[in-house]
Amino acid sequence: VRAKECPACQSLNALNARTCVTCGHEWTRDEAPKH
């Protein structure tokens, strides 16, 4: 898996992104995928 889905707008982001490039949703460390 080389991308992750934003739970707010379903845009695909880099796995290491902390902020969604489309809607600005911020991931907490607990949301980060295992990969």
PDB file of all heavy atoms in Angstrom:
ATOM      1  N   VAL A   1       0.851  -1.176   0.000  1.00  0.00           N
ATOM      2  CA  VAL A   1       0.000   0.000   0.000  1.00  0.00           C
ATOM      3  C   VAL A   1       0.888   1.227   0.000  1.00  0.00           C
ATOM      4  O   VAL A   1       1.743   1.384   0.858  1.00  0.00           O
ATOM      5  CB  VAL A   1      -0.919   0.005   1.234  1.00  0.00           C
ATOM      6  CG1 VAL A   1      -1.764   1.265   1.271  1.00  0.00           C
ATOM      7  CG2 VAL A   1      -1.807  -1.233   1.224  1.00  0.00           C
ATOM      8  N   ARG A   2       0.698   2.136  -0.984  1.00  0.00           N
ATOM      9  CA  ARG A   2       1.563   3.303  -1.126  1.00  0.00           C
ATOM     10  C   ARG A   2       0.789   4.613  -1.010  1.00  0.00           C
ATOM     11  O   ARG A   2       1.310   5.659  -1.348  1.00  0.00           O
ATOM     12  CB  ARG A   2       2.296   3.246  -2.475  1.00  0.00           C
ATOM     13  CG  ARG A   2       3.301   2.100  -2.553  1.00  0.00           C
ATOM     14  CD  ARG A   2       3.916   2.009  -3.928  1.00  0.00           C
ATOM     15  NE  ARG A   2       4.924   0.974  -3.991  1.00  0.00           N
ATOM     16  CZ  ARG A   2       6.235   1.199  -3.963  1.00  0.00           C
ATOM     17  NH1 ARG A   2       6.691   2.427  -3.864  1.00  0.00           N
ATOM     18  NH2 ARG A   2       7.093   0.207  -4.034  1.00  0.00           N
ATOM     19  N   ALA A   3      -0.460   4.571  -0.585  1.00  0.00           N
ATOM     20  CA  ALA A   3      -1.242   5.786  -0.383  1.00  0.00           C
ATOM     21  C   ALA A   3      -2.323   5.487   0.639  1.00  0.00           C
ATOM     22  O   ALA A   3      -2.663   4.335   0.891  1.00  0.00           O
ATOM     23  CB  ALA A   3      -1.863   6.248  -1.704  1.00  0.00           C
ATOM     24  N   LYS A   4      -2.839   6.546   1.258  1.00  0.00           N
ATOM     25  CA  LYS A   4      -3.896   6.341   2.250  1.00  0.00           C
ATOM     26  C   LYS A   4      -5.071   7.259   1.933  1.00  0.00           C
ATOM     27  O   LYS A   4      -4.909   8.319   1.321  1.00  0.00           O
ATOM     28  CB  LYS A   4      -3.374   6.595   3.662  1.00  0.00           C
ATOM     29  CG  LYS A   4      -2.930   8.033   3.940  1.00  0.00           C
ATOM     30  CD  LYS A   4      -2.376   8.152   5.349  1.00  0.00           C
ATOM     31  CE  LYS A   4      -1.888   9.570   5.645  1.00  0.00           C
ATOM     32  NZ  LYS A   4      -1.284   9.687   6.975  1.00  0.00           N
ATOM     33  N   GLU A   5      -6.239   6.841   2.364  1.00  0.00           N
ATOM     34  CA  GLU A   5      -7.476   7.562   2.065  1.00  0.00           C
ATOM     35  C   GLU A   5      -7.826   8.511   3.205  1.00  0.00           C
ATOM     36  O   GLU A   5      -7.760   8.145   4.384  1.00  0.00           O
ATOM     37  CB  GLU A   5      -8.605   6.548   1.870  1.00  0.00           C
ATOM     38  CG  GLU A   5      -9.963   7.158   1.638  1.00  0.00           C
ATOM     39  CD  GLU A   5     -11.034   6.089   1.535  1.00  0.00           C
ATOM     40  OE1 GLU A   5     -10.682   4.921   1.281  1.00  0.00           O
ATOM     41  OE2 GLU A   5     -12.216   6.424   1.717  1.00  0.00           O
ATOM     42  N   CYS A   6      -8.198   9.736   2.834  1.00  0.00           N
ATOM     43  CA  CYS A   6      -8.657  10.692   3.833  1.00  0.00           C
ATOM     44  C   CYS A   6     -10.055  10.285   4.303  1.00  0.00           C
ATOM     45  O   CYS A   6     -10.954  10.090   3.474  1.00  0.00           O
ATOM     46  CB  CYS A   6      -8.692  12.102   3.240  1.00  0.00           C
ATOM     47  SG  CYS A   6      -9.458  13.322   4.334  1.00  0.00           S
ATOM     48  N   PRO A   7     -10.271  10.153   5.610  1.00  0.00           N
ATOM     49  CA  PRO A   7     -11.594   9.735   6.093  1.00  0.00           C
ATOM     50  C   PRO A   7     -12.670  10.809   5.903  1.00  0.00           C
ATOM     51  O   PRO A   7     -13.856  10.502   5.935  1.00  0.00           O
ATOM     52  CB  PRO A   7     -11.348   9.478   7.588  1.00  0.00           C
ATOM     53  CG  PRO A   7     -10.167  10.334   7.938  1.00  0.00           C
ATOM     54  CD  PRO A   7      -9.306  10.331   6.706  1.00  0.00           C
ATOM     55  N   ALA A   8     -12.249  12.045   5.659  1.00  0.00           N
ATOM     56  CA  ALA A   8     -13.215  13.122   5.510  1.00  0.00           C
ATOM     57  C   ALA A   8     -13.699  13.308   4.079  1.00  0.00           C
ATOM     58  O   ALA A   8     -14.883  13.516   3.837  1.00  0.00           O
ATOM     59  CB  ALA A   8     -12.614  14.435   6.021  1.00  0.00           C
ATOM     60  N   CYS A   9     -12.761  13.226   3.094  1.00  0.00           N
ATOM     61  CA  CYS A   9     -13.159  13.532   1.710  1.00  0.00           C
ATOM     62  C   CYS A   9     -12.785  12.429   0.721  1.00  0.00           C
ATOM     63  O   CYS A   9     -13.027  12.563  -0.470  1.00  0.00           O
ATOM     64  CB  CYS A   9     -12.541  14.854   1.254  1.00  0.00           C
ATOM     65  SG  CYS A   9     -10.754  14.777   0.990  1.00  0.00           S
ATOM     66  N   GLN A  10     -12.151  11.344   1.179  1.00  0.00           N
ATOM     67  CA  GLN A  10     -11.777  10.191   0.356  1.00  0.00           C
ATOM     68  C   GLN A  10     -10.666  10.471  -0.663  1.00  0.00           C
ATOM     69  O   GLN A  10     -10.431   9.683  -1.558  1.00  0.00           O
ATOM     70  CB  GLN A  10     -12.998   9.595  -0.391  1.00  0.00           C
ATOM     71  CG  GLN A  10     -13.992   8.885   0.517  1.00  0.00           C
ATOM     72  CD  GLN A  10     -14.808   9.847   1.329  1.00  0.00           C
ATOM     73  OE1 GLN A  10     -15.443  10.753   0.779  1.00  0.00           O
ATOM     74  NE2 GLN A  10     -14.806   9.699   2.639  1.00  0.00           N
ATOM     75  N   SER A  11     -10.004  11.616  -0.560  1.00  0.00           N
ATOM     76  CA  SER A  11      -8.845  11.850  -1.423  1.00  0.00           C
ATOM     77  C   SER A  11      -7.710  10.932  -1.002  1.00  0.00           C
ATOM     78  O   SER A  11      -7.594  10.558   0.170  1.00  0.00           O
ATOM     79  CB  SER A  11      -8.376  13.311  -1.322  1.00  0.00           C
ATOM     80  OG  SER A  11      -9.322  14.173  -1.906  1.00  0.00           O
ATOM     81  N   LEU A  12      -6.855  10.564  -1.984  1.00  0.00           N
ATOM     82  CA  LEU A  12      -5.687   9.752  -1.678  1.00  0.00           C
ATOM     83  C   LEU A  12      -4.508  10.664  -1.380  1.00  0.00           C
ATOM     84  O   LEU A  12      -4.241  11.620  -2.097  1.00  0.00           O
ATOM     85  CB  LEU A  12      -5.355   8.827  -2.845  1.00  0.00           C
ATOM     86  CG  LEU A  12      -6.388   7.735  -3.129  1.00  0.00           C
ATOM     87  CD1 LEU A  12      -5.946   6.879  -4.298  1.00  0.00           C
ATOM     88  CD2 LEU A  12      -6.623   6.871  -1.902  1.00  0.00           C
ATOM     89  N   ASN A  13      -3.791  10.349  -0.315  1.00  0.00           N
ATOM     90  CA  ASN A  13      -2.654  11.138   0.139  1.00  0.00           C
ATOM     91  C   ASN A  13      -1.446  10.240   0.313  1.00  0.00           C
ATOM     92  O   ASN A  13      -1.559   9.014   0.445  1.00  0.00           O
ATOM     93  CB  ASN A  13      -2.966  11.805   1.483  1.00  0.00           C
ATOM     94  CG  ASN A  13      -3.976  12.929   1.372  1.00  0.00           C
ATOM     95  OD1 ASN A  13      -3.629  14.090   1.464  1.00  0.00           O
ATOM     96  ND2 ASN A  13      -5.251  12.586   1.170  1.00  0.00           N
ATOM     97  N   ALA A  14      -0.261  10.867   0.361  1.00  0.00           N
ATOM     98  CA  ALA A  14       0.942  10.117   0.683  1.00  0.00           C
ATOM     99  C   ALA A  14       0.791   9.488   2.055  1.00  0.00           C
ATOM    100  O   ALA A  14       0.166  10.050   2.953  1.00  0.00           O
ATOM    101  CB  ALA A  14       2.164  11.044   0.660  1.00  0.00           C
ATOM    102  N   LEU A  15       1.401   8.314   2.223  1.00  0.00           N
ATOM    103  CA  LEU A  15       1.255   7.608   3.486  1.00  0.00           C
ATOM    104  C   LEU A  15       1.808   8.415   4.663  1.00  0.00           C
ATOM    105  O   LEU A  15       1.338   8.289   5.788  1.00  0.00           O
ATOM    106  CB  LEU A  15       1.976   6.257   3.408  1.00  0.00           C
ATOM    107  CG  LEU A  15       1.248   5.163   2.624  1.00  0.00           C
ATOM    108  CD1 LEU A  15       2.144   3.969   2.468  1.00  0.00           C
ATOM    109  CD2 LEU A  15      -0.040   4.773   3.306  1.00  0.00           C
ATOM    110  N   ASN A  16       2.827   9.225   4.409  1.00  0.00           N
ATOM    111  CA  ASN A  16       3.415   9.989   5.508  1.00  0.00           C
ATOM    112  C   ASN A  16       2.804  11.381   5.664  1.00  0.00           C
ATOM    113  O   ASN A  16       3.299  12.195   6.422  1.00  0.00           O
ATOM    114  CB  ASN A  16       4.933  10.105   5.326  1.00  0.00           C
ATOM    115  CG  ASN A  16       5.299  10.761   4.017  1.00  0.00           C
ATOM    116  OD1 ASN A  16       4.439  11.011   3.174  1.00  0.00           O
ATOM    117  ND2 ASN A  16       6.584  11.037   3.827  1.00  0.00           N
ATOM    118  N   ALA A  17       1.707  11.665   4.940  1.00  0.00           N
ATOM    119  CA  ALA A  17       1.058  12.974   5.060  1.00  0.00           C
ATOM    120  C   ALA A  17       0.362  13.086   6.416  1.00  0.00           C
ATOM    121  O   ALA A  17      -0.268  12.146   6.896  1.00  0.00           O
ATOM    122  CB  ALA A  17       0.044  13.163   3.941  1.00  0.00           C
ATOM    123  N   ARG A  18       0.470  14.262   7.036  1.00  0.00           N
ATOM    124  CA  ARG A  18      -0.228  14.528   8.292  1.00  0.00           C
ATOM    125  C   ARG A  18      -1.463  15.384   8.064  1.00  0.00           C
ATOM    126  O   ARG A  18      -2.328  15.483   8.931  1.00  0.00           O
ATOM    127  CB  ARG A  18       0.725  15.235   9.263  1.00  0.00           C
ATOM    128  CG  ARG A  18       1.850  14.346   9.769  1.00  0.00           C
ATOM    129  CD  ARG A  18       1.302  13.172  10.546  1.00  0.00           C
ATOM    130  NE  ARG A  18       2.358  12.304  11.039  1.00  0.00           N
ATOM    131  CZ  ARG A  18       2.139  11.109  11.581  1.00  0.00           C
ATOM    132  NH1 ARG A  18       0.903  10.639  11.652  1.00  0.00           N
ATOM    133  NH2 ARG A  18       3.136  10.378  12.000  1.00  0.00           N
ATOM    134  N   THR A  19      -1.524  16.050   6.885  1.00  0.00           N
ATOM    135  CA  THR A  19      -2.656  16.907   6.549  1.00  0.00           C
ATOM    136  C   THR A  19      -3.152  16.557   5.159  1.00  0.00           C
ATOM    137  O   THR A  19      -2.350  16.431   4.231  1.00  0.00           O
ATOM    138  CB  THR A  19      -2.248  18.390   6.592  1.00  0.00           C
ATOM    139  OG1 THR A  19      -1.707  18.688   7.872  1.00  0.00           O
ATOM    140  CG2 THR A  19      -3.447  19.293   6.322  1.00  0.00           C
ATOM    141  N   CYS A  20      -4.456  16.375   4.972  1.00  0.00           N
ATOM    142  CA  CYS A  20      -5.013  16.043   3.667  1.00  0.00           C
ATOM    143  C   CYS A  20      -4.798  17.203   2.696  1.00  0.00           C
ATOM    144  O   CYS A  20      -5.065  18.366   3.030  1.00  0.00           O
ATOM    145  CB  CYS A  20      -6.504  15.745   3.785  1.00  0.00           C
ATOM    146  SG  CYS A  20      -7.303  15.452   2.175  1.00  0.00           S
ATOM    147  N   VAL A  21      -4.329  16.867   1.484  1.00  0.00           N
ATOM    148  CA  VAL A  21      -4.034  17.904   0.497  1.00  0.00           C
ATOM    149  C   VAL A  21      -5.307  18.541  -0.057  1.00  0.00           C
ATOM    150  O   VAL A  21      -5.257  19.617  -0.646  1.00  0.00           O
ATOM    151  CB  VAL A  21      -3.207  17.318  -0.666  1.00  0.00           C
ATOM    152  CG1 VAL A  21      -1.894  16.784  -0.157  1.00  0.00           C
ATOM    153  CG2 VAL A  21      -3.973  16.221  -1.395  1.00  0.00           C
ATOM    154  N   THR A  22      -6.448  17.887   0.124  1.00  0.00           N
ATOM    155  CA  THR A  22      -7.699  18.398  -0.444  1.00  0.00           C
ATOM    156  C   THR A  22      -8.530  19.182   0.559  1.00  0.00           C
ATOM    157  O   THR A  22      -8.944  20.315   0.303  1.00  0.00           O
ATOM    158  CB  THR A  22      -8.541  17.240  -1.008  1.00  0.00           C
ATOM    159  OG1 THR A  22      -7.778  16.566  -2.012  1.00  0.00           O
ATOM    160  CG2 THR A  22      -9.835  17.750  -1.628  1.00  0.00           C
ATOM    161  N   CYS A  23      -8.764  18.590   1.732  1.00  0.00           N
ATOM    162  CA  CYS A  23      -9.691  19.223   2.675  1.00  0.00           C
ATOM    163  C   CYS A  23      -9.031  19.717   3.954  1.00  0.00           C
ATOM    164  O   CYS A  23      -9.681  20.369   4.771  1.00  0.00           O
ATOM    165  CB  CYS A  23     -10.818  18.261   3.025  1.00  0.00           C
ATOM    166  SG  CYS A  23     -10.285  16.862   4.057  1.00  0.00           S
ATOM    167  N   GLY A  24      -7.759  19.389   4.166  1.00  0.00           N
ATOM    168  CA  GLY A  24      -7.060  19.865   5.347  1.00  0.00           C
ATOM    169  C   GLY A  24      -7.220  18.989   6.571  1.00  0.00           C
ATOM    170  O   GLY A  24      -6.724  19.340   7.660  1.00  0.00           O
ATOM    171  N   HIS A  25      -7.896  17.852   6.463  1.00  0.00           N
ATOM    172  CA  HIS A  25      -8.031  16.943   7.602  1.00  0.00           C
ATOM    173  C   HIS A  25      -6.653  16.595   8.166  1.00  0.00           C
ATOM    174  O   HIS A  25      -5.715  16.321   7.414  1.00  0.00           O
ATOM    175  CB  HIS A  25      -8.741  15.659   7.165  1.00  0.00           C
ATOM    176  CG  HIS A  25      -8.661  14.563   8.188  1.00  0.00           C
ATOM    177  ND1 HIS A  25      -9.490  14.512   9.286  1.00  0.00           N
ATOM    178  CD2 HIS A  25      -7.836  13.479   8.279  1.00  0.00           C
ATOM    179  CE1 HIS A  25      -9.185  13.443  10.009  1.00  0.00           C
ATOM    180  NE2 HIS A  25      -8.192  12.797   9.416  1.00  0.00           N
ATOM    181  N   GLU A  26      -6.517  16.608   9.476  1.00  0.00           N
ATOM    182  CA  GLU A  26      -5.250  16.300  10.121  1.00  0.00           C
ATOM    183  C   GLU A  26      -5.316  14.917  10.746  1.00  0.00           C
ATOM    184  O   GLU A  26      -6.220  14.619  11.525  1.00  0.00           O
ATOM    185  CB  GLU A  26      -4.907  17.345  11.179  1.00  0.00           C
ATOM    186  CG  GLU A  26      -4.628  18.730  10.597  1.00  0.00           C
ATOM    187  CD  GLU A  26      -4.176  19.713  11.649  1.00  0.00           C
ATOM    188  OE1 GLU A  26      -4.029  19.301  12.819  1.00  0.00           O
ATOM    189  OE2 GLU A  26      -3.959  20.896  11.306  1.00  0.00           O
ATOM    190  N   TRP A  27      -4.346  14.085  10.397  1.00  0.00           N
ATOM    191  CA  TRP A  27      -4.262  12.763  10.992  1.00  0.00           C
ATOM    192  C   TRP A  27      -3.540  12.838  12.340  1.00  0.00           C
ATOM    193  O   TRP A  27      -2.515  13.531  12.464  1.00  0.00           O
ATOM    194  CB  TRP A  27      -3.490  11.799  10.084  1.00  0.00           C
ATOM    195  CG  TRP A  27      -4.293  11.169   9.006  1.00  0.00           C
ATOM    196  CD1 TRP A  27      -5.061  10.056   9.081  1.00  0.00           C
ATOM    197  CD2 TRP A  27      -4.396  11.622   7.646  1.00  0.00           C
ATOM    198  NE1 TRP A  27      -5.647   9.776   7.861  1.00  0.00           N
ATOM    199  CE2 TRP A  27      -5.252  10.724   6.959  1.00  0.00           C
ATOM    200  CE3 TRP A  27      -3.861  12.700   6.936  1.00  0.00           C
ATOM    201  CZ2 TRP A  27      -5.560  10.858   5.612  1.00  0.00           C
ATOM    202  CZ3 TRP A  27      -4.164  12.841   5.604  1.00  0.00           C
ATOM    203  CH2 TRP A  27      -5.016  11.930   4.955  1.00  0.00           C
ATOM    204  N   THR A  28      -4.063  12.147  13.323  1.00  0.00           N
ATOM    205  CA  THR A  28      -3.304  11.956  14.552  1.00  0.00           C
ATOM    206  C   THR A  28      -2.449  10.729  14.365  1.00  0.00           C
ATOM    207  O   THR A  28      -2.635   9.937  13.435  1.00  0.00           O
ATOM    208  CB  THR A  28      -4.254  11.742  15.746  1.00  0.00           C
ATOM    209  OG1 THR A  28      -4.971  10.513  15.538  1.00  0.00           O
ATOM    210  CG2 THR A  28      -5.245  12.885  15.872  1.00  0.00           C
ATOM    211  N   ARG A  29      -1.484  10.532  15.236  1.00  0.00           N
ATOM    212  CA  ARG A  29      -0.591   9.392  15.062  1.00  0.00           C
ATOM    213  C   ARG A  29      -1.353   8.078  15.120  1.00  0.00           C
ATOM    214  O   ARG A  29      -1.001   7.113  14.452  1.00  0.00           O
ATOM    215  CB  ARG A  29       0.515   9.423  16.109  1.00  0.00           C
ATOM    216  CG  ARG A  29       1.571   8.348  15.911  1.00  0.00           C
ATOM    217  CD  ARG A  29       2.839   8.672  16.651  1.00  0.00           C
ATOM    218  NE  ARG A  29       3.474   9.875  16.144  1.00  0.00           N
ATOM    219  CZ  ARG A  29       4.262   9.897  15.082  1.00  0.00           C
ATOM    220  NH1 ARG A  29       4.507   8.794  14.406  1.00  0.00           N
ATOM    221  NH2 ARG A  29       4.812  11.024  14.682  1.00  0.00           N
ATOM    222  N   ASP A  30      -2.445   8.031  15.884  1.00  0.00           N
ATOM    223  CA  ASP A  30      -3.214   6.789  15.976  1.00  0.00           C
ATOM    224  C   ASP A  30      -3.884   6.448  14.661  1.00  0.00           C
ATOM    225  O   ASP A  30      -4.194   5.292  14.400  1.00  0.00           O
ATOM    226  CB  ASP A  30      -4.276   6.913  17.068  1.00  0.00           C
ATOM    227  CG  ASP A  30      -3.671   6.952  18.454  1.00  0.00           C
ATOM    228  OD1 ASP A  30      -2.519   6.468  18.597  1.00  0.00           O
ATOM    229  OD2 ASP A  30      -4.335   7.462  19.362  1.00  0.00           O
ATOM    230  N   GLU A  31      -4.154   7.462  13.799  1.00  0.00           N
ATOM    231  CA  GLU A  31      -4.820   7.212  12.531  1.00  0.00           C
ATOM    232  C   GLU A  31      -3.863   6.696  11.477  1.00  0.00           C
ATOM    233  O   GLU A  31      -4.281   6.214  10.453  1.00  0.00           O
ATOM    234  CB  GLU A  31      -5.455   8.502  12.000  1.00  0.00           C
ATOM    235  CG  GLU A  31      -6.713   8.916  12.716  1.00  0.00           C
ATOM    236  CD  GLU A  31      -7.276  10.145  12.060  1.00  0.00           C
ATOM    237  OE1 GLU A  31      -6.830  11.249  12.394  1.00  0.00           O
ATOM    238  OE2 GLU A  31      -8.173  10.000  11.201  1.00  0.00           O
ATOM    239  N   ALA A  32      -2.574   6.869  11.673  1.00  0.00           N
ATOM    240  CA  ALA A  32      -1.597   6.514  10.639  1.00  0.00           C
ATOM    241  C   ALA A  32      -1.647   5.021  10.370  1.00  0.00           C
ATOM    242  O   ALA A  32      -1.739   4.212  11.292  1.00  0.00           O
ATOM    243  CB  ALA A  32      -0.191   6.904  11.084  1.00  0.00           C
ATOM    244  N   PRO A  33      -1.592   4.593   9.106  1.00  0.00           N
ATOM    245  CA  PRO A  33      -1.652   3.172   8.781  1.00  0.00           C
ATOM    246  C   PRO A  33      -0.415   2.434   9.261  1.00  0.00           C
ATOM    247  O   PRO A  33       0.641   3.030   9.469  1.00  0.00           O
ATOM    248  CB  PRO A  33      -1.745   3.162   7.251  1.00  0.00           C
ATOM    249  CG  PRO A  33      -1.151   4.457   6.831  1.00  0.00           C
ATOM    250  CD  PRO A  33      -1.481   5.427   7.906  1.00  0.00           C
ATOM    251  N   LYS A  34      -0.541   1.133   9.409  1.00  0.00           N
ATOM    252  CA  LYS A  34       0.568   0.316   9.888  1.00  0.00           C
ATOM    253  C   LYS A  34       1.757   0.354   8.945  1.00  0.00           C
ATOM    254  O   LYS A  34       2.877   0.087   9.336  1.00  0.00           O
ATOM    255  CB  LYS A  34       0.103  -1.134  10.078  1.00  0.00           C
ATOM    256  CG  LYS A  34      -0.972  -1.279  11.154  1.00  0.00           C
ATOM    257  CD  LYS A  34      -1.420  -2.713  11.274  1.00  0.00           C
ATOM    258  CE  LYS A  34      -2.498  -2.876  12.324  1.00  0.00           C
ATOM    259  NZ  LYS A  34      -2.968  -4.284  12.432  1.00  0.00           N
ATOM    260  N   HIS A  35       1.504   0.662   7.670  1.00  0.00           N
ATOM    261  CA  HIS A  35       2.586   0.663   6.691  1.00  0.00           C
ATOM    262  C   HIS A  35       3.392   1.953   6.712  1.00  0.00           C
ATOM    263  O   HIS A  35       4.318   2.112   5.947  1.00  0.00           O
ATOM    264  CB  HIS A  35       2.015   0.491   5.281  1.00  0.00           C
ATOM    265  CG  HIS A  35       1.280  -0.802   5.099  1.00  0.00           C
ATOM    266  ND1 HIS A  35      -0.011  -0.964   5.519  1.00  0.00           N
ATOM    267  CD2 HIS A  35       1.661  -1.973   4.547  1.00  0.00           C
ATOM    268  CE1 HIS A  35      -0.421  -2.196   5.220  1.00  0.00           C
ATOM    269  NE2 HIS A  35       0.576  -2.819   4.629  1.00  0.00           N
TER     270      HIS A  35
END
